[in-house]
Amino acid sequence: MKIINSSEITPDYYDYIELEKIEVVSQVLSEVKEDWDKAVRKYTKKFDNLDLEHTLVSKKEIEEAYNQVSQEDINILKEAAANIEFFAKEQFKTFKDFEVRNNGVILWQKVVPIEKVWAYVPGWRYPLPSSALMNVIPAKVAGVKEIIVCSPKIHPLTIVAADMAGADKIFNIGWIQAIWAMAYGTESVPKVHAIVGPGNKFVAAAKKEVYGTVWIDFIAGPSEVLIIADETGNPEFIAADLLAQAEHDPTARCDLLTTSKEIALKVNRALKKQLDVLSTKEVAEAALKNGKIVVVNDLDEAAEISNRRAPEHLEIQVRDTKKLITKLMNYGSLFIGEYSAEVFWDYCSGTNHTLPTNGAPYYTWGLSVKDFLKILTYQEMDKDSCKIQWKIASRMADLEWLKGHKNAADIRMK
């Protein structure tokens, strides 16, 4: 990776990838709207080279998937699922129904789940059963009535993970056609109310198009990791974490901010050594070309750069973690200390690995139980409380020149 000083950072270092307009997205949309399942099968054949008679994974196929996965691997998935479920249940406890009174008005909040959710699980390059666990379990804990999973060229591991997590239906489809089918429905694919889960640029573009027809979690771009280290950082661990992120995608963004030139040089040497034995070397090497090792003046400057970048994953390996944490504001998820490797969070530590990218941590957060809940509000007033509120509402309506609003308030006082 290229080593630079912080003074050499150019404005484009903070640029985000603009989601391109992909013509085939609109083309697939129009065909799926018109031809439904026929169009879904057509584009599954085109993109995945799969000639499917049916897109729904049957109970028999689910049983066959379990037979293709070792009991040891099933047990590992169960352990990961238990950790994810534990954290999701703790999150769920923070969302409460309540009733309060203010000036005689009874105000209520009621927390209810979204009824029908579709979880997209990437799978074209690698099987990703972890994404099935991460997307389905919080929805199940939230009480979603119907959870549907889809994945392109679905792998037996993904089928097992989705079933284990509590998916009600599993589909062997992906890409643009899956997003359109979820949003609008076909003969065999049910229309849903929300779509969650990461995907490639085609999936991201399709999710952007259907937002409004359904709710989506966020538009995820290429994966990102930013590591902040002082002279106490572990070069071998840092290099390993950069490579773990880089092997996701050639367009992944992997960066290190360090106060130590010595650490910068040691990390670069470790990267070369570890990269040589990595089976995903070609992908990781391409991603590392997008990244930089930046030698900063101090940790205050590192925090400032990090907050401006707003990375998906932010790791810190510094002596005084508590002091630095107070200065970090924009990130998808934070990993504190040299043993808090992102890989543990990716698979099993408990917090959700579906995170915002491409600057979205400025305004949103990772997937959680909250994303599967609706917060409903109620109010109830009697004549006495109406009198208290009437004066405010009537005058506010006057200020906004909305006479119908004013009448609706005043008529109750006549």
Protein backbone atom coordinates (compact mmCIF):
# COMPACT_ATOMS: atom_id res chain seq x y z
CA MET A 1 0.00 0.00 0.00
CA LYS A 2 1.16 3.53 -0.66
CA ILE A 3 2.45 5.39 2.43
CA ILE A 4 1.76 9.13 2.53
CA ASN A 5 1.84 11.92 5.11
CA SER A 6 -1.44 13.52 6.17
CA SER A 7 -0.34 16.73 4.42
CA GLU A 8 -0.49 14.82 1.12
CA ILE A 9 -4.17 13.92 1.47
CA THR A 10 -6.10 15.37 -1.46
CA PRO A 11 -9.84 16.18 -1.47
CA ASP A 12 -10.64 13.05 -3.48
CA TYR A 13 -9.53 10.94 -0.49
CA TYR A 14 -12.90 11.80 1.05
CA ASP A 15 -14.93 11.22 -2.12
CA TYR A 16 -17.68 8.64 -2.09
CA ILE A 17 -18.58 6.39 -4.98
CA GLU A 18 -21.59 7.75 -6.79
CA LEU A 19 -24.11 5.05 -7.51
CA GLU A 20 -24.08 4.79 -11.27
CA LYS A 21 -27.17 4.69 -13.42
CA ILE A 22 -27.28 1.16 -14.80
CA GLU A 23 -29.52 0.86 -17.84
CA VAL A 24 -30.18 -2.85 -17.40
CA VAL A 25 -31.83 -2.11 -14.04
CA SER A 26 -34.71 -0.26 -15.69
CA GLN A 27 -34.91 -2.89 -18.41
CA VAL A 28 -35.25 -5.72 -15.91
CA LEU A 29 -37.84 -3.72 -13.95
CA SER A 30 -40.10 -3.25 -16.95
CA GLU A 31 -39.88 -6.93 -17.90
CA VAL A 32 -40.51 -8.24 -14.38
CA LYS A 33 -43.53 -5.93 -14.06
CA GLU A 34 -44.89 -7.29 -17.33
CA ASP A 35 -43.80 -10.95 -17.43
CA TRP A 36 -43.40 -11.70 -13.71
CA ASP A 37 -41.91 -15.19 -13.08
CA LYS A 38 -40.97 -15.61 -16.72
CA ALA A 39 -38.72 -12.55 -16.54
CA VAL A 40 -37.23 -13.65 -13.21
CA ARG A 41 -36.25 -17.01 -14.71
CA LYS A 42 -34.94 -15.32 -17.87
CA TYR A 43 -32.52 -13.08 -16.00
CA THR A 44 -31.53 -15.83 -13.56
CA LYS A 45 -30.46 -17.79 -16.64
CA LYS A 46 -28.62 -14.73 -18.02
CA PHE A 47 -26.81 -13.64 -14.84
CA ASP A 48 -26.33 -16.96 -13.00
CA ASN A 49 -26.55 -19.46 -15.88
CA LEU A 50 -29.25 -21.32 -13.96
CA ASP A 51 -32.22 -22.74 -15.83
CA LEU A 52 -34.75 -22.97 -13.00
CA GLU A 53 -38.09 -24.73 -13.17
CA HIS A 54 -39.03 -23.12 -9.88
CA THR A 55 -37.37 -20.39 -7.81
CA LEU A 56 -38.67 -21.44 -4.38
CA VAL A 57 -36.41 -23.80 -2.45
CA SER A 58 -38.62 -26.75 -1.50
CA LYS A 59 -38.71 -28.57 1.85
CA LYS A 60 -37.02 -31.52 0.16
CA GLU A 61 -34.22 -29.27 -1.09
CA ILE A 62 -33.80 -27.85 2.41
CA GLU A 63 -33.46 -31.40 3.80
CA GLU A 64 -30.90 -32.20 1.09
CA ALA A 65 -28.94 -29.06 2.02
CA TYR A 66 -28.70 -30.23 5.64
CA ASN A 67 -27.37 -33.58 4.38
CA GLN A 68 -24.66 -31.77 2.41
CA VAL A 69 -23.42 -29.83 5.46
CA SER A 70 -21.40 -31.57 8.18
CA GLN A 71 -22.76 -31.76 11.70
CA GLU A 72 -19.69 -29.89 12.89
CA ASP A 73 -20.49 -26.97 10.58
CA ILE A 74 -24.14 -27.02 11.60
CA ASN A 75 -23.03 -26.74 15.24
CA ILE A 76 -20.79 -23.78 14.38
CA LEU A 77 -23.71 -22.03 12.68
CA LYS A 78 -25.84 -22.69 15.76
CA GLU A 79 -23.23 -21.13 18.05
CA ALA A 80 -22.97 -18.05 15.85
CA ALA A 81 -26.76 -17.81 15.68
CA ALA A 82 -27.03 -17.97 19.48
CA ASN A 83 -24.67 -14.99 19.88
CA ILE A 84 -26.49 -12.95 17.25
CA GLU A 85 -29.86 -13.78 18.83
CA PHE A 86 -28.59 -12.82 22.30
CA PHE A 87 -27.60 -9.33 21.17
CA ALA A 88 -30.80 -8.88 19.13
CA LYS A 89 -32.92 -9.76 22.16
CA GLU A 90 -31.03 -7.23 24.27
CA GLN A 91 -31.69 -4.60 21.61
CA PHE A 92 -35.36 -5.51 21.53
CA LYS A 93 -35.66 -4.82 25.26
CA THR A 94 -34.85 -1.15 24.60
CA PHE A 95 -38.03 -0.66 22.53
CA LYS A 96 -40.99 -0.30 24.86
CA ASP A 97 -44.69 0.38 24.74
CA PHE A 98 -45.58 3.23 27.07
CA GLU A 99 -48.42 5.56 28.08
CA VAL A 100 -47.94 9.04 29.53
CA ARG A 101 -50.08 12.09 30.30
CA ASN A 102 -49.28 15.67 29.41
CA ASN A 103 -51.72 18.52 30.13
CA GLY A 104 -54.52 15.99 30.33
CA VAL A 105 -53.71 14.35 26.97
CA ILE A 106 -53.07 10.62 27.05
CA LEU A 107 -50.11 9.81 24.75
CA TRP A 108 -49.22 6.24 23.82
CA GLN A 109 -46.41 4.50 21.98
CA LYS A 110 -46.86 0.98 20.64
CA VAL A 111 -44.04 -1.07 19.09
CA VAL A 112 -45.12 -3.53 16.37
CA PRO A 113 -43.17 -5.54 13.80
CA ILE A 114 -43.24 -5.05 10.05
CA GLU A 115 -45.40 -7.87 8.67
CA LYS A 116 -43.39 -9.18 5.71
CA VAL A 117 -39.64 -8.80 5.10
CA TRP A 118 -37.28 -10.03 2.40
CA ALA A 119 -33.61 -10.60 3.28
CA TYR A 120 -31.16 -10.53 0.39
CA VAL A 121 -28.08 -12.72 0.95
CA PRO A 122 -25.17 -12.23 -1.48
CA GLY A 123 -23.68 -15.44 -2.74
CA TRP A 124 -22.41 -15.24 -6.27
CA ARG A 125 -18.67 -15.05 -5.46
CA TYR A 126 -18.71 -16.75 -2.04
CA PRO A 127 -21.36 -18.57 0.02
CA LEU A 128 -22.32 -16.20 2.86
CA PRO A 129 -24.38 -18.10 5.45
CA SER A 130 -23.36 -15.44 8.00
CA SER A 131 -25.46 -12.87 6.11
CA ALA A 132 -28.47 -15.16 6.33
CA LEU A 133 -28.06 -15.32 10.11
CA MET A 134 -27.48 -11.56 10.43
CA ASN A 135 -30.49 -10.58 8.32
CA VAL A 136 -33.02 -13.14 9.54
CA ILE A 137 -32.41 -13.41 13.29
CA PRO A 138 -33.13 -9.74 14.20
CA ALA A 139 -36.32 -9.90 12.12
CA LYS A 140 -37.36 -13.08 13.95
CA VAL A 141 -36.66 -11.51 17.35
CA ALA A 142 -38.67 -8.43 16.31
CA GLY A 143 -41.67 -10.66 15.58
CA VAL A 144 -41.89 -10.30 11.79
CA LYS A 145 -44.68 -12.62 10.62
CA GLU A 146 -43.10 -13.70 7.34
CA ILE A 147 -39.36 -13.65 6.62
CA ILE A 148 -38.24 -14.55 3.12
CA VAL A 149 -34.65 -15.12 2.02
CA CYS A 150 -33.18 -15.09 -1.45
CA SER A 151 -29.64 -15.68 -2.68
CA PRO A 152 -28.19 -16.11 -6.19
CA LYS A 153 -26.84 -19.60 -6.92
CA ILE A 154 -27.82 -20.41 -3.37
CA HIS A 155 -25.34 -22.63 -1.53
CA PRO A 156 -26.43 -25.46 0.81
CA LEU A 157 -24.74 -23.62 3.71
CA THR A 158 -26.88 -20.55 3.03
CA ILE A 159 -30.03 -22.67 2.87
CA VAL A 160 -29.18 -24.30 6.21
CA ALA A 161 -28.34 -20.96 7.86
CA ALA A 162 -31.52 -19.30 6.59
CA ASP A 163 -33.69 -22.20 7.74
CA MET A 164 -31.94 -22.37 11.10
CA ALA A 165 -32.39 -18.63 11.61
CA GLY A 166 -36.14 -18.90 11.04
CA ALA A 167 -36.78 -18.03 7.39
CA ASP A 168 -40.30 -18.94 6.27
CA LYS A 169 -39.42 -19.19 2.56
CA ILE A 170 -36.13 -19.39 0.66
CA PHE A 171 -35.66 -18.49 -3.02
CA ASN A 172 -32.81 -19.39 -5.35
CA ILE A 173 -32.72 -16.00 -7.08
CA GLY A 174 -30.69 -12.83 -6.82
CA TRP A 175 -29.50 -9.73 -8.64
CA ILE A 176 -31.89 -7.11 -10.05
CA GLN A 177 -34.70 -9.51 -10.85
CA ALA A 178 -34.91 -10.63 -7.21
CA ILE A 179 -35.23 -7.05 -5.95
CA TRP A 180 -37.98 -6.26 -8.46
CA ALA A 181 -39.81 -9.50 -7.66
CA MET A 182 -39.72 -8.71 -3.93
CA ALA A 183 -40.93 -5.16 -4.39
CA TYR A 184 -43.79 -5.82 -6.78
CA GLY A 185 -44.55 -9.55 -6.47
CA THR A 186 -44.93 -12.22 -9.16
CA GLU A 187 -46.96 -15.42 -9.48
CA SER A 188 -44.61 -17.26 -7.11
CA VAL A 189 -42.73 -14.48 -5.35
CA PRO A 190 -44.72 -12.63 -2.68
CA LYS A 191 -44.61 -8.85 -2.46
CA VAL A 192 -42.96 -7.68 0.76
CA HIS A 193 -42.98 -4.51 2.85
CA ALA A 194 -39.22 -4.21 3.46
CA ILE A 195 -35.99 -5.37 1.82
CA VAL A 196 -32.75 -5.69 3.77
CA GLY A 197 -29.29 -7.02 3.08
CA PRO A 198 -26.15 -6.13 1.13
CA GLY A 199 -25.39 -6.83 -2.52
CA ASN A 200 -23.34 -5.79 -5.53
CA LYS A 201 -23.76 -2.54 -7.46
CA PHE A 202 -26.70 -3.97 -9.43
CA VAL A 203 -28.52 -4.91 -6.24
CA ALA A 204 -27.76 -1.48 -4.75
CA ALA A 205 -29.09 0.30 -7.85
CA ALA A 206 -32.24 -1.83 -7.84
CA LYS A 207 -32.85 -1.19 -4.11
CA LYS A 208 -32.56 2.53 -4.76
CA GLU A 209 -35.18 2.29 -7.52
CA VAL A 210 -37.75 0.43 -5.41
CA TYR A 211 -37.37 2.57 -2.29
CA GLY A 212 -40.78 4.08 -1.63
CA THR A 213 -42.59 1.05 -2.99
CA VAL A 214 -40.96 -0.84 -0.14
CA TRP A 215 -38.74 0.22 2.76
CA ILE A 216 -35.05 -0.60 2.45
CA ASP A 217 -32.31 -0.61 5.09
CA PHE A 218 -29.74 1.45 3.12
CA ILE A 219 -27.78 1.55 -0.12
CA ALA A 220 -24.56 -0.36 0.53
CA GLY A 221 -21.51 0.24 -1.63
CA PRO A 222 -18.11 -1.50 -1.62
CA SER A 223 -16.97 -2.66 1.81
CA GLU A 224 -14.66 -0.43 3.86
CA VAL A 225 -12.26 -0.66 6.78
CA LEU A 226 -10.28 2.14 8.41
CA ILE A 227 -7.74 1.32 11.12
CA ILE A 228 -6.26 3.88 13.52
CA ALA A 229 -3.03 2.83 15.26
CA ASP A 230 -0.30 4.43 17.32
CA GLU A 231 3.12 2.93 18.05
CA THR A 232 1.47 0.19 20.18
CA GLY A 233 -0.41 -1.26 17.20
CA ASN A 234 0.25 -4.84 16.13
CA PRO A 235 1.49 -4.77 12.49
CA GLU A 236 0.67 -8.44 11.83
CA PHE A 237 -2.89 -8.05 13.15
CA ILE A 238 -3.41 -4.80 11.24
CA ALA A 239 -2.21 -6.35 7.98
CA ALA A 240 -4.46 -9.37 8.50
CA ASP A 241 -7.51 -7.16 9.10
CA LEU A 242 -6.79 -5.06 6.02
CA LEU A 243 -6.53 -8.21 3.90
CA ALA A 244 -9.68 -9.72 5.41
CA GLN A 245 -11.61 -6.73 4.15
CA ALA A 246 -9.74 -6.46 0.85
CA GLU A 247 -10.66 -9.99 -0.23
CA HIS A 248 -14.36 -9.07 -0.29
CA ASP A 249 -14.19 -7.12 -3.52
CA PRO A 250 -11.61 -5.44 -5.80
CA THR A 251 -13.31 -2.10 -5.08
CA ALA A 252 -13.16 -2.47 -1.26
CA ARG A 253 -11.54 0.48 0.56
CA CYS A 254 -8.87 -0.40 3.13
CA ASP A 255 -6.88 2.31 4.93
CA LEU A 256 -4.60 2.76 7.91
CA LEU A 257 -4.05 6.00 9.84
CA THR A 258 -1.03 5.82 12.12
CA THR A 259 1.05 8.18 14.21
CA SER A 260 4.08 5.91 13.69
CA LYS A 261 6.13 5.73 10.47
CA GLU A 262 7.68 2.53 11.84
CA ILE A 263 4.26 0.90 12.17
CA ALA A 264 3.43 2.00 8.61
CA LEU A 265 6.54 0.28 7.23
CA LYS A 266 6.01 -2.88 9.32
CA VAL A 267 2.37 -3.15 8.17
CA ASN A 268 3.43 -2.89 4.54
CA ARG A 269 5.97 -5.69 5.01
CA ALA A 270 3.37 -7.84 6.77
CA LEU A 271 0.88 -7.21 3.96
CA LYS A 272 3.30 -8.49 1.33
CA LYS A 273 4.11 -11.58 3.38
CA GLN A 274 0.49 -12.48 4.14
CA LEU A 275 -0.75 -11.65 0.65
CA ASP A 276 1.62 -14.17 -0.95
CA VAL A 277 -0.12 -17.11 0.75
CA LEU A 278 -3.69 -15.81 0.40
CA SER A 279 -5.93 -17.85 -1.91
CA THR A 280 -7.92 -14.69 -2.68
CA LYS A 281 -4.73 -12.78 -3.52
CA GLU A 282 -5.95 -11.46 -6.87
CA VAL A 283 -9.03 -9.79 -5.39
CA ALA A 284 -7.26 -8.52 -2.26
CA GLU A 285 -4.30 -7.14 -4.20
CA ALA A 286 -6.63 -5.13 -6.44
CA ALA A 287 -8.45 -3.71 -3.41
CA LEU A 288 -5.23 -2.71 -1.65
CA LYS A 289 -4.36 -0.51 -4.62
CA ASN A 290 -7.35 1.65 -3.63
CA GLY A 291 -6.06 2.04 -0.07
CA LYS A 292 -3.45 4.18 1.65
CA ILE A 293 -1.36 4.17 4.80
CA VAL A 294 -1.46 7.73 6.12
CA VAL A 295 1.07 8.90 8.69
CA VAL A 296 -0.73 11.49 10.83
CA ASN A 297 0.63 14.05 13.27
CA ASP A 298 -1.40 12.81 16.22
CA LEU A 299 -4.56 10.90 17.15
CA ASP A 300 -6.65 14.09 17.11
CA GLU A 301 -5.86 14.42 13.41
CA ALA A 302 -6.60 10.73 12.90
CA ALA A 303 -10.04 11.18 14.52
CA GLU A 304 -10.75 14.20 12.33
CA ILE A 305 -9.88 12.28 9.15
CA SER A 306 -11.88 9.26 10.30
CA ASN A 307 -14.96 11.33 11.10
CA ARG A 308 -14.81 12.87 7.64
CA ARG A 309 -14.40 9.50 5.96
CA ALA A 310 -17.22 7.88 8.02
CA PRO A 311 -16.03 4.30 7.39
CA GLU A 312 -18.16 1.19 7.53
CA HIS A 313 -15.72 -0.57 9.90
CA LEU A 314 -13.44 1.39 12.20
CA GLU A 315 -10.71 -0.39 14.18
CA ILE A 316 -8.54 1.27 16.81
CA GLN A 317 -5.26 -0.06 18.20
CA VAL A 318 -3.99 2.70 20.47
CA ARG A 319 -2.73 3.02 24.04
CA ASP A 320 -5.57 5.22 25.32
CA THR A 321 -8.71 3.84 23.66
CA LYS A 322 -11.18 5.65 25.96
CA LYS A 323 -9.82 9.07 25.06
CA LEU A 324 -9.91 8.36 21.32
CA ILE A 325 -13.40 6.86 21.39
CA THR A 326 -14.89 10.12 22.68
CA LYS A 327 -13.68 11.86 19.50
CA LEU A 328 -15.02 9.31 17.00
CA MET A 329 -18.51 10.10 15.74
CA ASN A 330 -19.11 8.62 12.27
CA TYR A 331 -18.72 4.89 11.64
CA GLY A 332 -20.80 1.78 11.00
CA SER A 333 -19.28 -0.25 13.83
CA LEU A 334 -16.25 0.23 16.09
CA PHE A 335 -13.68 -2.43 17.02
CA ILE A 336 -11.64 -1.57 20.10
CA GLY A 337 -8.19 -3.05 20.74
CA GLU A 338 -5.94 -5.45 18.86
CA TYR A 339 -7.99 -8.55 19.70
CA SER A 340 -11.31 -7.08 18.49
CA ALA A 341 -10.87 -8.33 14.96
CA GLU A 342 -13.59 -7.54 12.49
CA VAL A 343 -13.75 -11.21 11.52
CA PHE A 344 -15.33 -12.10 14.88
CA TRP A 345 -18.07 -9.52 14.30
CA ASP A 346 -18.43 -10.76 10.71
CA TYR A 347 -19.45 -14.18 11.93
CA CYS A 348 -20.25 -14.66 15.56
CA SER A 349 -19.61 -12.04 18.24
CA GLY A 350 -23.22 -10.83 18.21
CA THR A 351 -23.52 -7.34 16.73
CA ASN A 352 -24.87 -7.18 13.19
CA HIS A 353 -22.48 -7.18 10.25
CA THR A 354 -24.86 -5.51 7.78
CA LEU A 355 -23.57 -1.93 7.92
CA PRO A 356 -23.89 1.34 5.98
CA THR A 357 -21.06 2.29 3.62
CA ASN A 358 -20.10 5.08 1.26
CA GLY A 359 -20.61 7.90 3.79
CA ALA A 360 -23.96 6.62 5.05
CA PRO A 361 -22.64 6.30 8.65
CA TYR A 362 -23.04 10.08 8.77
CA TYR A 363 -26.80 9.58 9.14
CA THR A 364 -27.65 5.93 9.68
CA TRP A 365 -26.53 2.78 11.50
CA GLY A 366 -26.13 -0.95 11.05
CA LEU A 367 -29.02 -3.34 10.67
CA SER A 368 -30.74 -4.05 13.97
CA VAL A 369 -34.00 -5.15 15.53
CA LYS A 370 -35.19 -1.54 15.18
CA ASP A 371 -35.23 -1.87 11.40
CA PHE A 372 -37.95 -4.50 11.63
CA LEU A 373 -40.17 -2.49 13.97
CA LYS A 374 -42.72 0.28 13.52
CA ILE A 375 -43.24 2.81 16.29
CA LEU A 376 -46.95 3.62 16.36
CA THR A 377 -48.24 6.61 18.35
CA TYR A 378 -51.69 7.37 19.72
CA GLN A 379 -53.34 10.22 21.55
CA GLU A 380 -56.60 10.55 23.44
CA MET A 381 -58.15 13.81 24.73
CA ASP A 382 -61.22 14.70 26.74
CA LYS A 383 -63.05 18.03 26.86
CA ASP A 384 -60.82 19.51 29.56
CA SER A 385 -57.56 18.66 27.82
CA CYS A 386 -59.07 19.85 24.53
CA LYS A 387 -59.55 23.30 26.08
CA ILE A 388 -55.87 23.41 27.02
CA GLN A 389 -54.67 22.47 23.54
CA TRP A 390 -57.27 24.52 21.65
CA LYS A 391 -55.71 27.94 22.21
CA ILE A 392 -52.31 26.79 20.88
CA ALA A 393 -53.70 24.93 17.88
CA SER A 394 -56.11 27.70 16.88
CA ARG A 395 -53.41 30.35 16.92
CA MET A 396 -50.88 28.12 15.11
CA ALA A 397 -53.47 27.56 12.36
CA ASP A 398 -53.90 31.35 12.06
CA LEU A 399 -50.14 31.77 11.70
CA GLU A 400 -50.09 29.23 8.88
CA TRP A 401 -53.21 30.72 7.17
CA LEU A 402 -54.95 27.33 7.31
CA LYS A 403 -58.55 28.17 8.14
CA GLY A 404 -59.76 24.58 7.91
CA HIS A 405 -57.29 23.61 10.60
CA LYS A 406 -58.44 26.56 12.76
CA ASN A 407 -62.08 25.58 12.31
CA ALA A 408 -61.35 21.99 13.34
CA ALA A 409 -59.98 23.34 16.63
CA ASP A 410 -62.49 26.16 17.19
CA ILE A 411 -65.59 24.09 16.46
CA ARG A 412 -64.87 21.99 19.55
CA MET A 413 -65.08 25.10 21.75
CA LYS A 414 -68.48 26.22 20.48
